[in-house]
Protein backbone atom coordinates (compact mmCIF):
# COMPACT_ATOMS: atom_id res chain seq x y z
CA MET A 1 120.16 107.16 81.94
CA LYS A 2 121.89 110.31 80.67
CA ASN A 3 118.72 112.33 81.16
CA VAL A 4 118.37 111.13 84.75
CA LEU A 5 121.98 112.05 85.55
CA LEU A 6 121.59 115.44 83.88
CA ALA A 7 118.39 116.15 85.82
CA LEU A 8 120.09 115.15 89.08
CA PHE A 9 123.08 117.39 88.33
CA VAL A 10 120.85 120.38 87.53
CA ALA A 11 118.84 119.81 90.73
CA LEU A 12 122.07 119.80 92.77
CA LEU A 13 123.22 123.02 91.13
CA LEU A 14 119.95 124.75 91.88
CA ALA A 15 119.89 123.53 95.47
CA ALA A 16 123.53 124.42 96.14
CA CYS A 17 122.96 128.07 97.03
CA VAL A 18 119.49 127.76 98.52
CA THR A 19 120.52 127.72 102.20
CA GLY A 20 122.34 131.07 102.04
CA ASP A 21 119.48 132.70 100.16
CA ARG A 22 116.94 131.38 102.65
CA VAL A 23 118.98 132.58 105.64
CA ARG A 24 119.42 136.06 104.16
CA GLY A 25 115.84 136.41 102.96
CA GLY A 26 113.77 134.37 105.38
CA ILE A 27 115.27 134.49 108.86
CA ARG A 28 114.79 137.42 111.19
CA GLU A 29 115.23 138.18 114.86
CA GLY A 30 112.40 136.98 117.09
CA MET A 31 111.35 133.97 114.98
CA THR A 32 110.61 130.74 116.82
CA LYS A 33 112.53 127.50 116.33
CA ASP A 34 109.54 126.01 114.48
CA GLN A 35 109.48 128.98 112.08
CA VAL A 36 113.22 128.61 111.41
CA ILE A 37 112.85 124.89 110.68
CA ALA A 38 109.84 125.58 108.43
CA THR A 39 111.99 128.07 106.46
CA LEU A 40 115.36 126.25 106.36
CA GLY A 41 114.46 122.63 107.05
CA GLN A 42 116.01 120.39 109.67
CA PRO A 43 119.46 121.59 110.79
CA ASP A 44 122.62 119.64 109.98
CA GLY A 45 123.68 119.99 113.61
CA PHE A 46 123.00 121.86 116.81
CA LYS A 47 124.64 122.95 120.03
CA ARG A 48 122.94 123.75 123.33
CA SER A 49 124.16 125.76 126.30
CA GLY A 50 121.61 126.52 129.03
CA ASN A 51 118.72 128.44 127.43
CA ALA A 52 120.72 129.09 124.23
CA GLU A 53 120.62 126.79 121.21
CA ALA A 54 122.50 127.02 117.92
CA LEU A 55 121.05 125.42 114.78
CA GLN A 56 123.78 124.76 112.21
CA TYR A 57 123.19 124.55 108.48
CA THR A 58 125.82 123.61 105.91
CA ASN A 59 125.63 125.15 102.46
CA ARG A 60 127.61 123.39 99.76
CA LEU A 61 128.59 125.60 96.84
CA ILE A 62 130.18 124.70 93.55
CA SER A 63 133.20 126.86 92.79
CA GLY A 64 135.18 125.93 89.71
CA TRP A 65 135.60 122.18 89.94
CA SER A 66 135.34 121.84 93.71
CA TRP A 67 132.76 122.03 96.47
CA ASP A 68 133.06 124.85 98.98
CA ARG A 69 131.27 124.85 102.27
CA THR A 70 129.70 127.73 104.16
CA ASP A 71 128.21 127.17 107.58
CA TYR A 72 125.18 129.20 108.62
CA THR A 73 124.14 129.34 112.24
CA VAL A 74 120.88 130.45 113.82
CA ILE A 75 121.10 131.14 117.56
CA LEU A 76 117.96 130.95 119.67
CA GLU A 77 117.61 132.08 123.25
CA GLU A 78 114.56 130.81 125.10
CA GLY A 79 113.18 129.55 121.78
CA HIS A 80 113.54 132.78 119.73
CA VAL A 81 116.15 133.90 117.19
CA THR A 82 118.70 136.37 118.57
CA GLN A 83 121.50 135.98 115.98
CA TYR A 84 121.97 134.37 112.58
CA GLY A 85 124.36 134.38 109.66
CA PRO A 86 127.40 132.73 108.13
CA GLY A 87 130.04 131.55 110.54
CA GLN A 88 130.68 129.13 113.32
CA VAL A 89 129.15 129.02 116.75
CA ARG A 90 131.31 129.77 119.78
CA GLN A 91 130.42 129.49 123.43
CA GLU A 92 131.20 132.72 125.29
CA GLY A 93 129.89 131.78 128.73
CA PRO A 94 127.67 129.24 130.44
CA ASN A 95 124.49 130.41 128.64
CA LEU A 96 125.89 132.49 125.78
CA LEU A 97 126.46 131.33 122.20
CA ILE A 98 127.63 133.69 119.44
CA VAL A 99 128.16 133.46 115.68
CA VAL A 100 131.77 134.10 114.68
CA PRO A 101 132.28 134.89 110.97
CA VAL A 102 134.80 132.64 109.22
CA LYS A 103 137.62 134.49 107.47
């Protein structure tokens, strides 16, 4: 039982920073929604406004003895990536979504 718990803990540690690394290294402007999902997996949430769609991914990090959370957002317009990065999505008009970095 100890070995199973240890293996699970190690797997969680290794997976904890994967989302941020995948966003930084694998996402680029112009990608399609299918390419983003193939790279990052299914989003944790989404928001739609007209032709704009925001895919939201939550990255849980271990810092000291607590879990920190960083949200990554990929914004698509007409099915292609126009913005991506850490932060929260904000609606700036009827068909405009932007990523706002969290301080």
